[in-house]
Amino acid sequence: MLNHIRPAVVMIALFTGVLGVAYPLAVTGVAQAAFPGQANGSLMRDKAGQVVGSALVGQSFAQPGYLHPRPSAAGKGYDAAASSGSNLGPLNPDLIARVKAEADALRAETGKAVIPADAVTTSASGLDPHISPAYAELQVARIASARGVGEAQVREVIRQHEEGRTFGVLGQPRVNVLLTNMALDARFPRPAEG
């Protein structure tokens, strides 16, 4: 029996050492050397060096001088510990009522009849850091008014942060909300708290 147990214990120890310790350390070391920003979560810092968020995780911006992200169903909103979609089907009356209320509020705010889908629907994770260029454009007038600058200036900052399709064919054009809001703060004074 000892002849069967000893090789099993040796194999467990060997594979634990190789696959549980050496391989993760090697991958982490390569990632830290080649892509330190991405390996550490793509954290974004303000001028004072304080972390303000990750370029990969959506967060709430409610002030009028900022791009607003798409709605979140993660926990109580943008909770990375509770990442998930709403799990409500397209015919669910609660989902229909929420989307209608948010679309009506945006129509009243902007005077536009057509509202981009990502302005009123959550992403699968509830933490999508991007919005569509159409949703960003819908917010230009509000941001410009809150910051006391021209719409063309706000539009220019947004366009500078518009990302195209990945590899030219995957996904849709998008705007990273956090990066754009940081650029707005850098270019124009931070809006009053409200």
Protein backbone atom coordinates (compact mmCIF):
# COMPACT_ATOMS: atom_id res chain seq x y z
CA MET A 1 0.00 0.00 0.00
CA LEU A 2 2.87 2.36 0.79
CA ASN A 3 4.09 1.77 -2.76
CA HIS A 4 0.86 3.36 -4.04
CA ILE A 5 0.63 6.23 -1.54
CA ARG A 6 4.21 7.50 -1.93
CA PRO A 7 3.98 8.22 -5.72
CA ALA A 8 0.60 9.87 -5.23
CA VAL A 9 1.94 12.18 -2.51
CA VAL A 10 5.04 12.97 -4.60
CA MET A 11 2.88 13.81 -7.64
CA ILE A 12 0.56 16.03 -5.57
CA ALA A 13 3.57 17.87 -4.13
CA LEU A 14 5.23 18.17 -7.54
CA PHE A 15 2.16 19.45 -9.36
CA THR A 16 1.26 21.77 -6.49
CA GLY A 17 4.74 23.26 -6.67
CA VAL A 18 4.77 23.56 -10.46
CA LEU A 19 1.17 24.51 -11.21
CA GLY A 20 0.20 26.11 -7.91
CA VAL A 21 3.35 28.12 -7.17
CA ALA A 22 5.92 28.28 -9.99
CA TYR A 23 3.55 28.83 -12.93
CA PRO A 24 1.46 31.59 -11.24
CA LEU A 25 4.65 33.34 -10.11
CA ALA A 26 6.12 33.17 -13.61
CA VAL A 27 2.94 34.50 -15.24
CA THR A 28 2.65 37.27 -12.64
CA GLY A 29 6.31 38.20 -13.13
CA VAL A 30 5.96 38.38 -16.92
CA ALA A 31 2.74 40.41 -16.61
CA GLN A 32 4.34 42.84 -14.13
CA ALA A 33 7.38 43.28 -16.37
CA ALA A 34 5.58 43.56 -19.72
CA PHE A 35 2.22 45.14 -18.76
CA PRO A 36 2.46 46.63 -15.25
CA GLY A 37 -0.54 48.97 -15.63
CA GLN A 38 -2.87 46.25 -16.87
CA ALA A 39 -1.52 43.67 -14.40
CA ASN A 40 -2.38 46.02 -11.55
CA GLY A 41 -5.95 46.64 -12.68
CA SER A 42 -5.58 49.61 -15.08
CA LEU A 43 -5.92 51.95 -12.11
CA MET A 44 -6.32 55.64 -12.92
CA ARG A 45 -4.87 58.31 -10.65
CA ASP A 46 -5.63 62.00 -10.31
CA LYS A 47 -2.98 64.75 -10.24
CA ALA A 48 -2.40 64.12 -6.52
CA GLY A 49 -1.66 60.44 -7.21
CA GLN A 50 -4.88 59.19 -5.59
CA VAL A 51 -6.58 56.25 -7.28
CA VAL A 52 -9.90 57.42 -8.72
CA GLY A 53 -10.96 54.16 -10.36
CA SER A 54 -10.11 51.58 -12.97
CA ALA A 55 -10.42 52.15 -16.70
CA LEU A 56 -11.92 48.64 -16.86
CA VAL A 57 -14.71 48.98 -14.27
CA GLY A 58 -17.68 51.32 -14.51
CA GLN A 59 -18.55 53.64 -11.68
CA SER A 60 -21.27 56.13 -10.93
CA PHE A 61 -21.03 59.76 -12.01
CA ALA A 62 -24.18 61.67 -11.11
CA GLN A 63 -23.03 65.30 -11.30
CA PRO A 64 -24.27 67.21 -14.36
CA GLY A 65 -20.74 68.16 -15.46
CA TYR A 66 -19.75 64.56 -16.12
CA LEU A 67 -20.55 61.86 -18.63
CA HIS A 68 -23.01 59.52 -16.99
CA PRO A 69 -22.43 55.78 -17.44
CA ARG A 70 -25.03 53.27 -18.48
CA PRO A 71 -27.29 52.00 -15.67
CA SER A 72 -25.89 49.28 -13.42
CA ALA A 73 -27.59 46.21 -11.99
CA ALA A 74 -24.52 45.22 -9.96
CA GLY A 75 -25.61 45.13 -6.33
CA LYS A 76 -26.94 48.58 -5.48
CA GLY A 77 -25.19 49.97 -8.54
CA TYR A 78 -21.57 49.63 -9.70
CA ASP A 79 -20.75 47.18 -6.90
CA ALA A 80 -17.84 45.09 -8.20
CA ALA A 81 -18.44 42.52 -5.46
CA ALA A 82 -21.93 41.87 -6.87
CA SER A 83 -21.28 42.01 -10.60
CA SER A 84 -24.29 40.80 -12.56
CA GLY A 85 -26.98 41.77 -14.96
CA SER A 86 -30.55 42.37 -13.89
CA ASN A 87 -31.65 38.89 -15.03
CA LEU A 88 -34.99 40.39 -16.04
CA GLY A 89 -36.39 39.07 -19.30
CA PRO A 90 -37.40 41.44 -22.11
CA LEU A 91 -41.10 41.04 -21.28
CA ASN A 92 -40.69 41.56 -17.53
CA PRO A 93 -42.99 44.41 -16.46
CA ASP A 94 -40.43 45.74 -13.94
CA LEU A 95 -37.77 46.02 -16.65
CA ILE A 96 -40.20 47.63 -19.09
CA ALA A 97 -41.30 50.17 -16.47
CA ARG A 98 -37.70 51.04 -15.48
CA VAL A 99 -36.52 51.45 -19.08
CA LYS A 100 -39.58 53.55 -19.97
CA ALA A 101 -39.12 55.80 -16.93
CA GLU A 102 -35.41 56.33 -17.66
CA ALA A 103 -36.05 56.94 -21.38
CA ASP A 104 -38.83 59.43 -20.58
CA ALA A 105 -36.54 61.27 -18.14
CA LEU A 106 -33.77 61.48 -20.76
CA ARG A 107 -36.23 62.68 -23.41
CA ALA A 108 -37.42 65.41 -21.04
CA GLU A 109 -33.84 66.41 -20.18
CA THR A 110 -32.48 66.44 -23.72
CA GLY A 111 -35.51 67.13 -25.87
CA LYS A 112 -34.47 64.23 -28.10
CA ALA A 113 -37.00 61.63 -29.18
CA VAL A 114 -34.46 58.88 -29.88
CA ILE A 115 -32.54 57.56 -26.89
CA PRO A 116 -29.57 55.16 -27.38
CA ALA A 117 -30.22 51.71 -25.94
CA ASP A 118 -27.18 51.81 -23.65
CA ALA A 119 -28.56 54.93 -21.95
CA VAL A 120 -31.37 52.90 -20.38
CA THR A 121 -30.18 49.28 -20.34
CA THR A 122 -27.63 47.59 -18.10
CA SER A 123 -24.67 45.59 -19.36
CA ALA A 124 -24.27 41.89 -18.60
CA SER A 125 -21.79 42.60 -15.80
CA GLY A 126 -23.39 45.82 -14.58
CA LEU A 127 -19.88 47.32 -14.60
CA ASP A 128 -19.31 48.29 -18.23
CA PRO A 129 -16.91 51.28 -18.26
CA HIS A 130 -17.97 52.38 -21.77
CA ILE A 131 -20.93 54.07 -23.38
CA SER A 132 -21.76 54.50 -27.04
CA PRO A 133 -20.70 57.68 -28.87
CA ALA A 134 -24.43 58.36 -29.40
CA TYR A 135 -25.08 58.32 -25.64
CA ALA A 136 -22.02 60.53 -25.06
CA GLU A 137 -23.32 62.99 -27.68
CA LEU A 138 -26.70 63.06 -25.93
CA GLN A 139 -24.94 64.38 -22.80
CA VAL A 140 -22.85 67.14 -24.43
CA ALA A 141 -25.29 70.02 -23.80
CA ARG A 142 -25.72 69.16 -20.09
CA ILE A 143 -21.95 68.85 -19.53
CA ALA A 144 -21.18 72.08 -21.39
CA SER A 145 -23.82 73.98 -19.43
CA ALA A 146 -22.60 72.65 -16.08
CA ARG A 147 -18.98 73.46 -16.86
CA GLY A 148 -19.70 76.82 -18.49
CA VAL A 149 -17.98 75.96 -21.77
CA GLY A 150 -19.08 75.55 -25.36
CA GLU A 151 -20.60 72.32 -26.61
CA ALA A 152 -17.92 72.08 -29.31
CA GLN A 153 -15.22 72.02 -26.63
CA VAL A 154 -16.91 69.19 -24.74
CA ARG A 155 -17.56 67.32 -27.98
CA GLU A 156 -13.85 67.61 -28.86
CA VAL A 157 -12.79 66.01 -25.55
CA ILE A 158 -15.30 63.20 -26.04
CA ARG A 159 -14.12 62.56 -29.60
CA GLN A 160 -10.51 62.43 -28.43
CA HIS A 161 -11.50 59.58 -26.11
CA GLU A 162 -13.65 57.65 -28.56
CA GLU A 163 -12.33 54.15 -29.17
CA GLY A 164 -13.01 52.31 -32.40
CA ARG A 165 -13.77 48.65 -32.91
CA THR A 166 -11.15 46.29 -31.51
CA PHE A 167 -8.85 45.20 -34.35
CA GLY A 168 -11.14 47.23 -36.62
CA VAL A 169 -13.90 44.61 -36.62
CA LEU A 170 -14.81 43.48 -33.07
CA GLY A 171 -17.36 45.25 -30.92
CA GLN A 172 -18.74 48.73 -31.37
CA PRO A 173 -17.19 52.19 -31.14
CA ARG A 174 -17.23 53.33 -27.53
CA VAL A 175 -16.26 56.04 -25.07
CA ASN A 176 -14.63 55.24 -21.73
CA VAL A 177 -16.56 57.24 -19.12
CA LEU A 178 -13.83 57.51 -16.46
CA LEU A 179 -11.05 58.49 -18.88
CA THR A 180 -13.26 61.08 -20.56
CA ASN A 181 -14.38 62.55 -17.24
CA MET A 182 -10.77 62.80 -16.09
CA ALA A 183 -9.94 64.60 -19.36
CA LEU A 184 -12.87 66.97 -18.83
CA ASP A 185 -11.55 67.78 -15.34
CA ALA A 186 -8.05 68.34 -16.72
CA ARG A 187 -9.25 70.65 -19.48
CA PHE A 188 -12.04 72.51 -17.67
CA PRO A 189 -12.55 73.34 -13.99
CA ARG A 190 -14.27 70.67 -11.94
CA PRO A 191 -17.99 71.44 -11.69
CA ALA A 192 -19.48 72.43 -8.37
CA GLU A 193 -20.59 69.54 -6.18
CA GLY A 194 -24.26 68.88 -6.51
